[in-house]
PDB file of N, CA and C in Angstrom:
ATOM      1  N   MET A   1      51.607  37.348   6.980  1.00  0.00           N
ATOM      2  CA  MET A   1      52.416  36.566   7.720  1.00  0.00           C
ATOM      3  C   MET A   1      53.488  35.824   6.797  1.00  0.00           C
ATOM      4  N   ASN A   2      54.785  35.709   7.163  1.00  0.00           N
ATOM      5  CA  ASN A   2      55.624  35.469   6.449  1.00  0.00           C
ATOM      6  C   ASN A   2      55.657  33.867   6.322  1.00  0.00           C
ATOM      7  N   ASN A   3      56.070  33.192   5.174  1.00  0.00           N
ATOM      8  CA  ASN A   3      56.736  32.038   4.803  1.00  0.00           C
ATOM      9  C   ASN A   3      56.763  30.955   5.657  1.00  0.00           C
ATOM     10  N   ASN A   4      57.719  31.444   6.804  1.00  0.00           N
ATOM     11  CA  ASN A   4      58.115  30.482   7.811  1.00  0.00           C
ATOM     12  C   ASN A   4      57.193  30.635   8.748  1.00  0.00           C
ATOM     13  N   SER A   5      56.867  31.552   9.443  1.00  0.00           N
ATOM     14  CA  SER A   5      55.424  31.151  10.531  1.00  0.00           C
ATOM     15  C   SER A   5      53.997  30.288   9.785  1.00  0.00           C
ATOM     16  N   GLN A   6      53.969  30.409   8.357  1.00  0.00           N
ATOM     17  CA  GLN A   6      52.842  30.252   7.989  1.00  0.00           C
ATOM     18  C   GLN A   6      53.201  28.513   7.892  1.00  0.00           C
ATOM     19  N   ASN A   7      54.249  28.118   7.464  1.00  0.00           N
ATOM     20  CA  ASN A   7      54.540  26.694   7.274  1.00  0.00           C
ATOM     21  C   ASN A   7      54.619  26.157   8.808  1.00  0.00           C
ATOM     22  N   GLU A   8      55.112  26.964   9.738  1.00  0.00           N
ATOM     23  CA  GLU A   8      55.160  26.435  11.637  1.00  0.00           C
ATOM     24  C   GLU A   8      53.339  26.134  11.838  1.00  0.00           C
ATOM     25  N   ASN A   9      52.798  27.091  10.979  1.00  0.00           N
ATOM     26  CA  ASN A   9      51.226  27.097  11.855  1.00  0.00           C
ATOM     27  C   ASN A   9      50.805  25.908  11.232  1.00  0.00           C
ATOM     28  N   HIS A  10      51.050  25.387   9.761  1.00  0.00           N
ATOM     29  CA  HIS A  10      50.765  24.234   8.992  1.00  0.00           C
ATOM     30  C   HIS A  10      51.004  23.310   9.942  1.00  0.00           C
ATOM     31  N   PHE A  11      52.663  22.889   9.987  1.00  0.00           N
ATOM     32  CA  PHE A  11      53.072  22.070  10.926  1.00  0.00           C
ATOM     33  C   PHE A  11      52.552  21.738  12.024  1.00  0.00           C
ATOM     34  N   LYS A  12      52.074  22.910  12.891  1.00  0.00           N
ATOM     35  CA  LYS A  12      51.461  22.692  14.017  1.00  0.00           C
ATOM     36  C   LYS A  12      50.138  22.150  13.828  1.00  0.00           C
ATOM     37  N   ALA A  13      49.419  22.543  12.827  1.00  0.00           N
ATOM     38  CA  ALA A  13      47.805  22.125  12.639  1.00  0.00           C
ATOM     39  C   ALA A  13      47.940  20.457  12.010  1.00  0.00           C
ATOM     40  N   ALA A  14      48.568  20.373  11.150  1.00  0.00           N
ATOM     41  CA  ALA A  14      49.106  18.682  10.897  1.00  0.00           C
ATOM     42  C   ALA A  14      49.335  18.014  12.058  1.00  0.00           C
ATOM     43  N   ASN A  15      50.014  18.345  13.070  1.00  0.00           N
ATOM     44  CA  ASN A  15      50.467  17.601  14.365  1.00  0.00           C
ATOM     45  C   ASN A  15      49.127  17.732  15.216  1.00  0.00           C
ATOM     46  N   GLN A  16      48.398  18.507  15.357  1.00  0.00           N
ATOM     47  CA  GLN A  16      46.957  18.292  16.131  1.00  0.00           C
ATOM     48  C   GLN A  16      46.308  17.275  15.493  1.00  0.00           C
ATOM     49  N   VAL A  17      46.366  17.273  14.211  1.00  0.00           N
ATOM     50  CA  VAL A  17      45.333  16.361  13.404  1.00  0.00           C
ATOM     51  C   VAL A  17      45.638  14.869  13.772  1.00  0.00           C
ATOM     52  N   ILE A  18      47.032  14.809  13.855  1.00  0.00           N
ATOM     53  CA  ILE A  18      47.555  13.305  13.973  1.00  0.00           C
ATOM     54  C   ILE A  18      46.962  13.083  15.600  1.00  0.00           C
ATOM     55  N   LYS A  19      47.813  13.827  16.358  1.00  0.00           N
ATOM     56  CA  LYS A  19      47.254  13.717  17.756  1.00  0.00           C
ATOM     57  C   LYS A  19      45.386  13.196  18.217  1.00  0.00           C
ATOM     58  N   LYS A  20      44.859  14.043  17.480  1.00  0.00           N
ATOM     59  CA  LYS A  20      43.382  13.817  17.473  1.00  0.00           C
ATOM     60  C   LYS A  20      43.108  12.326  16.820  1.00  0.00           C
ATOM     61  N   LEU A  21      43.618  11.912  15.599  1.00  0.00           N
ATOM     62  CA  LEU A  21      43.554  10.716  14.981  1.00  0.00           C
ATOM     63  C   LEU A  21      43.874   9.495  16.237  1.00  0.00           C
ATOM     64  N   GLY A  22      44.839  10.207  16.689  1.00  0.00           N
ATOM     65  CA  GLY A  22      45.392   8.844  17.571  1.00  0.00           C
ATOM     66  C   GLY A  22      44.307   8.522  18.728  1.00  0.00           C
ATOM     67  N   PHE A  23      43.926   9.739  19.548  1.00  0.00           N
ATOM     68  CA  PHE A  23      43.056   9.503  20.088  1.00  0.00           C
ATOM     69  C   PHE A  23      41.487   9.084  19.708  1.00  0.00           C
ATOM     70  N   LEU A  24      41.254   9.407  18.612  1.00  0.00           N
ATOM     71  CA  LEU A  24      39.852   8.770  18.148  1.00  0.00           C
ATOM     72  C   LEU A  24      40.259   7.223  17.455  1.00  0.00           C
ATOM     73  N   SER A  25      41.104   7.057  17.251  1.00  0.00           N
ATOM     74  CA  SER A  25      41.441   5.496  17.191  1.00  0.00           C
ATOM     75  C   SER A  25      41.344   4.566  18.380  1.00  0.00           C
ATOM     76  N   HIS A  26      41.612   5.244  19.634  1.00  0.00           N
ATOM     77  CA  HIS A  26      41.281   4.402  21.066  1.00  0.00           C
ATOM     78  C   HIS A  26      39.972   4.485  21.559  1.00  0.00           C
ATOM     79  N   VAL A  27      39.440   5.579  21.327  1.00  0.00           N
ATOM     80  CA  VAL A  27      38.150   6.345  22.021  1.00  0.00           C
ATOM     81  C   VAL A  27      37.250   5.153  22.210  1.00  0.00           C
ATOM     82  N   ASP A  28      36.600   4.416  20.891  1.00  0.00           N
ATOM     83  CA  ASP A  28      35.739   3.400  20.775  1.00  0.00           C
ATOM     84  C   ASP A  28      36.258   2.212  21.831  1.00  0.00           C
ATOM     85  N   LYS A  29      37.358   2.204  21.980  1.00  0.00           N
ATOM     86  CA  LYS A  29      37.751   0.742  22.921  1.00  0.00           C
ATOM     87  C   LYS A  29      37.028   1.544  24.411  1.00  0.00           C
ATOM     88  N   ASN A  30      37.629   2.414  24.568  1.00  0.00           N
ATOM     89  CA  ASN A  30      37.415   2.887  26.313  1.00  0.00           C
ATOM     90  C   ASN A  30      35.673   3.016  26.221  1.00  0.00           C
ATOM     91  N   ILE A  31      34.933   3.490  24.994  1.00  0.00           N
ATOM     92  CA  ILE A  31      33.592   3.375  25.298  1.00  0.00           C
ATOM     93  C   ILE A  31      32.999   2.263  25.261  1.00  0.00           C
ATOM     94  N   SER A  32      33.223   1.113  24.726  1.00  0.00           N
ATOM     95  CA  SER A  32      33.020  -0.085  24.850  1.00  0.00           C
ATOM     96  C   SER A  32      33.368  -0.641  26.094  1.00  0.00           C
ATOM     97  N   ASP A  33      34.813  -0.210  26.868  1.00  0.00           N
ATOM     98  CA  ASP A  33      34.810  -0.629  28.187  1.00  0.00           C
ATOM     99  C   ASP A  33      33.889  -0.470  29.355  1.00  0.00           C
ATOM    100  N   ALA A  34      33.632   0.707  29.183  1.00  0.00           N
ATOM    101  CA  ALA A  34      32.493   1.555  30.017  1.00  0.00           C
ATOM    102  C   ALA A  34      31.286   1.176  29.876  1.00  0.00           C
ATOM    103  N   HIS A  35      31.058   0.567  28.590  1.00  0.00           N
ATOM    104  CA  HIS A  35      29.371  -0.063  28.329  1.00  0.00           C
ATOM    105  C   HIS A  35      29.691  -1.447  28.977  1.00  0.00           C
ATOM    106  N   ASP A  36      30.757  -2.052  28.956  1.00  0.00           N
ATOM    107  CA  ASP A  36      30.651  -3.484  29.800  1.00  0.00           C
ATOM    108  C   ASP A  36      30.369  -3.256  31.025  1.00  0.00           C
ATOM    109  N   HIS A  37      31.170  -2.131  31.654  1.00  0.00           N
ATOM    110  CA  HIS A  37      31.359  -2.096  33.297  1.00  0.00           C
ATOM    111  C   HIS A  37      30.005  -1.499  33.390  1.00  0.00           C
ATOM    112  N   GLY A  38      29.086  -1.299  32.529  1.00  0.00           N
ATOM    113  CA  GLY A  38      27.666  -0.557  33.170  1.00  0.00           C
ATOM    114  C   GLY A  38      27.893   0.859  33.850  1.00  0.00           C
ATOM    115  N   ASN A  39      29.096   1.557  33.079  1.00  0.00           N
ATOM    116  CA  ASN A  39      29.136   2.915  33.379  1.00  0.00           C
ATOM    117  C   ASN A  39      28.637   3.963  32.315  1.00  0.00           C
ATOM    118  N   LYS A  40      27.408   4.206  32.441  1.00  0.00           N
ATOM    119  CA  LYS A  40      26.556   4.969  31.944  1.00  0.00           C
ATOM    120  C   LYS A  40      27.060   6.509  31.242  1.00  0.00           C
ATOM    121  N   GLN A  41      27.736   6.682  32.798  1.00  0.00           N
ATOM    122  CA  GLN A  41      27.926   8.250  32.503  1.00  0.00           C
ATOM    123  C   GLN A  41      29.356   8.364  31.572  1.00  0.00           C
ATOM    124  N   ALA A  42      30.089   7.825  31.971  1.00  0.00           N
ATOM    125  CA  ALA A  42      31.730   7.491  31.381  1.00  0.00           C
ATOM    126  C   ALA A  42      31.377   7.161  30.048  1.00  0.00           C
ATOM    127  N   GLU A  43      30.537   6.595  29.795  1.00  0.00           N
ATOM    128  CA  GLU A  43      29.998   6.006  28.255  1.00  0.00           C
ATOM    129  C   GLU A  43      29.610   7.162  27.627  1.00  0.00           C
ATOM    130  N   MET A  44      28.669   7.945  27.967  1.00  0.00           N
ATOM    131  CA  MET A  44      28.088   9.190  27.260  1.00  0.00           C
ATOM    132  C   MET A  44      29.097  10.458  27.483  1.00  0.00           C
ATOM    133  N   THR A  45      29.894  10.536  28.253  1.00  0.00           N
ATOM    134  CA  THR A  45      30.653  11.791  28.378  1.00  0.00           C
ATOM    135  C   THR A  45      32.301  11.387  27.201  1.00  0.00           C
ATOM    136  N   LEU A  46      32.498  10.102  27.393  1.00  0.00           N
ATOM    137  CA  LEU A  46      33.352   9.702  26.078  1.00  0.00           C
ATOM    138  C   LEU A  46      32.805   9.780  24.481  1.00  0.00           C
ATOM    139  N   ASN A  47      31.460   9.480  24.477  1.00  0.00           N
ATOM    140  CA  ASN A  47      30.384   9.640  23.396  1.00  0.00           C
ATOM    141  C   ASN A  47      30.468  11.248  22.949  1.00  0.00           C
ATOM    142  N   ILE A  48      30.276  11.878  23.680  1.00  0.00           N
ATOM    143  CA  ILE A  48      30.389  13.559  23.526  1.00  0.00           C
ATOM    144  C   ILE A  48      31.699  13.789  23.210  1.00  0.00           C
ATOM    145  N   LEU A  49      32.731  13.093  24.043  1.00  0.00           N
ATOM    146  CA  LEU A  49      34.201  13.719  23.614  1.00  0.00           C
ATOM    147  C   LEU A  49      34.568  13.332  22.372  1.00  0.00           C
ATOM    148  N   LYS A  50      34.320  12.088  21.866  1.00  0.00           N
ATOM    149  CA  LYS A  50      34.320  11.697  20.782  1.00  0.00           C
ATOM    150  C   LYS A  50      34.105  12.289  19.144  1.00  0.00           C
ATOM    151  N   ALA A  51      32.673  13.134  19.653  1.00  0.00           N
ATOM    152  CA  ALA A  51      32.268  13.826  18.749  1.00  0.00           C
ATOM    153  C   ALA A  51      32.635  15.355  18.675  1.00  0.00           C
ATOM    154  N   VAL A  52      32.850  15.548  19.654  1.00  0.00           N
ATOM    155  CA  VAL A  52      33.907  17.119  19.627  1.00  0.00           C
ATOM    156  C   VAL A  52      34.922  16.784  19.097  1.00  0.00           C
ATOM    157  N   GLU A  53      35.724  15.962  19.534  1.00  0.00           N
ATOM    158  CA  GLU A  53      37.224  16.010  18.668  1.00  0.00           C
ATOM    159  C   GLU A  53      36.759  15.388  17.302  1.00  0.00           C
ATOM    160  N   GLN A  54      35.807  14.641  16.987  1.00  0.00           N
ATOM    161  CA  GLN A  54      35.823  14.524  15.515  1.00  0.00           C
ATOM    162  C   GLN A  54      35.503  15.671  14.847  1.00  0.00           C
ATOM    163  N   ARG A  55      34.523  16.417  15.415  1.00  0.00           N
ATOM    164  CA  ARG A  55      34.003  17.781  14.422  1.00  0.00           C
ATOM    165  C   ARG A  55      35.445  18.620  14.601  1.00  0.00           C
ATOM    166  N   TYR A  56      36.330  18.672  15.200  1.00  0.00           N
ATOM    167  CA  TYR A  56      37.587  19.628  15.292  1.00  0.00           C
ATOM    168  C   TYR A  56      38.437  19.114  14.305  1.00  0.00           C
ATOM    169  N   THR A  57      38.759  18.197  14.381  1.00  0.00           N
ATOM    170  CA  THR A  57      39.562  17.028  13.582  1.00  0.00           C
ATOM    171  C   THR A  57      39.202  17.303  12.238  1.00  0.00           C
ATOM    172  N   ASP A  58      37.830  17.057  12.163  1.00  0.00           N
ATOM    173  CA  ASP A  58      37.616  17.352  10.569  1.00  0.00           C
ATOM    174  C   ASP A  58      37.875  19.216  10.227  1.00  0.00           C
ATOM    175  N   SER A  59      37.254  19.705  10.964  1.00  0.00           N
ATOM    176  CA  SER A  59      37.606  21.320  11.019  1.00  0.00           C
ATOM    177  C   SER A  59      39.057  21.297  10.311  1.00  0.00           C
ATOM    178  N   MET A  60      40.042  20.825  11.509  1.00  0.00           N
ATOM    179  CA  MET A  60      41.634  20.778  11.040  1.00  0.00           C
ATOM    180  C   MET A  60      41.724  20.410   9.360  1.00  0.00           C
ATOM    181  N   LYS A  61      41.535  19.241   9.327  1.00  0.00           N
ATOM    182  CA  LYS A  61      41.557  18.799   8.150  1.00  0.00           C
ATOM    183  C   LYS A  61      41.300  19.176   6.748  1.00  0.00           C
ATOM    184  N   TYR A  62      39.984  20.041   7.272  1.00  0.00           N
ATOM    185  CA  TYR A  62      39.583  21.249   5.695  1.00  0.00           C
ATOM    186  C   TYR A  62      40.640  22.064   5.783  1.00  0.00           C
ATOM    187  N   PHE A  63      40.787  22.696   6.977  1.00  0.00           N
ATOM    188  CA  PHE A  63      41.895  24.056   6.827  1.00  0.00           C
ATOM    189  C   PHE A  63      43.069  23.511   5.988  1.00  0.00           C
ATOM    190  N   LEU A  64      43.688  22.492   6.279  1.00  0.00           N
ATOM    191  CA  LEU A  64      45.026  22.208   5.791  1.00  0.00           C
ATOM    192  C   LEU A  64      44.706  22.135   4.052  1.00  0.00           C
ATOM    193  N   ILE A  65      43.517  21.060   4.102  1.00  0.00           N
ATOM    194  CA  ILE A  65      43.639  21.035   2.490  1.00  0.00           C
ATOM    195  C   ILE A  65      43.059  22.171   1.838  1.00  0.00           C
ATOM    196  N   ALA A  66      42.526  23.026   2.245  1.00  0.00           N
ATOM    197  CA  ALA A  66      42.033  24.647   1.682  1.00  0.00           C
ATOM    198  C   ALA A  66      43.516  25.492   1.706  1.00  0.00           C
ATOM    199  N   GLU A  67      44.027  25.145   2.668  1.00  0.00           N
ATOM    200  CA  GLU A  67      45.380  25.987   2.691  1.00  0.00           C
ATOM    201  C   GLU A  67      46.480  25.530   1.527  1.00  0.00           C
ATOM    202  N   ALA A  68      46.114  24.314   1.623  1.00  0.00           N
ATOM    203  CA  ALA A  68      47.165  23.570   0.523  1.00  0.00           C
ATOM    204  C   ALA A  68      46.829  23.798  -1.278  1.00  0.00           C
ATOM    205  N   GLY A  69      45.444  24.562  -1.072  1.00  0.00           N
ATOM    206  CA  GLY A  69      44.819  24.417  -2.007  1.00  0.00           C
ATOM    207  C   GLY A  69      44.225  23.574  -3.536  1.00  0.00           C
ATOM    208  N   MET A  70      43.948  22.728  -2.270  1.00  0.00           N
ATOM    209  CA  MET A  70      43.310  21.427  -3.338  1.00  0.00           C
ATOM    210  C   MET A  70      41.762  21.428  -3.188  1.00  0.00           C
ATOM    211  N   ILE A  71      41.054  22.470  -2.783  1.00  0.00           N
ATOM    212  CA  ILE A  71      39.481  22.734  -2.626  1.00  0.00           C
ATOM    213  C   ILE A  71      39.418  23.683  -3.645  1.00  0.00           C
TER     214      ILE A  71
END
C-alpha cells in the first residue's frame, strides 16, 4: 500500500473514532430518557448499542495507536 492510501485510511479511521465518540457522548442521555419514560426495550437496546460502539471505538483507537508506533 502506498503512503497516500495508508494516510487516507488513517484519516478515515480517525474520523470514524471521532464520530463514534460523539455518539457515545450523547447515548447516556438517550438511555436515561428511555428509563425515565419506562421504555425498557429502548433502554436495553441502547445499552447494547453503546457496548458495541464502545468496543468498536476502542479497537479503532488501538489500531491507530499501533499504526503510529506508540505501542
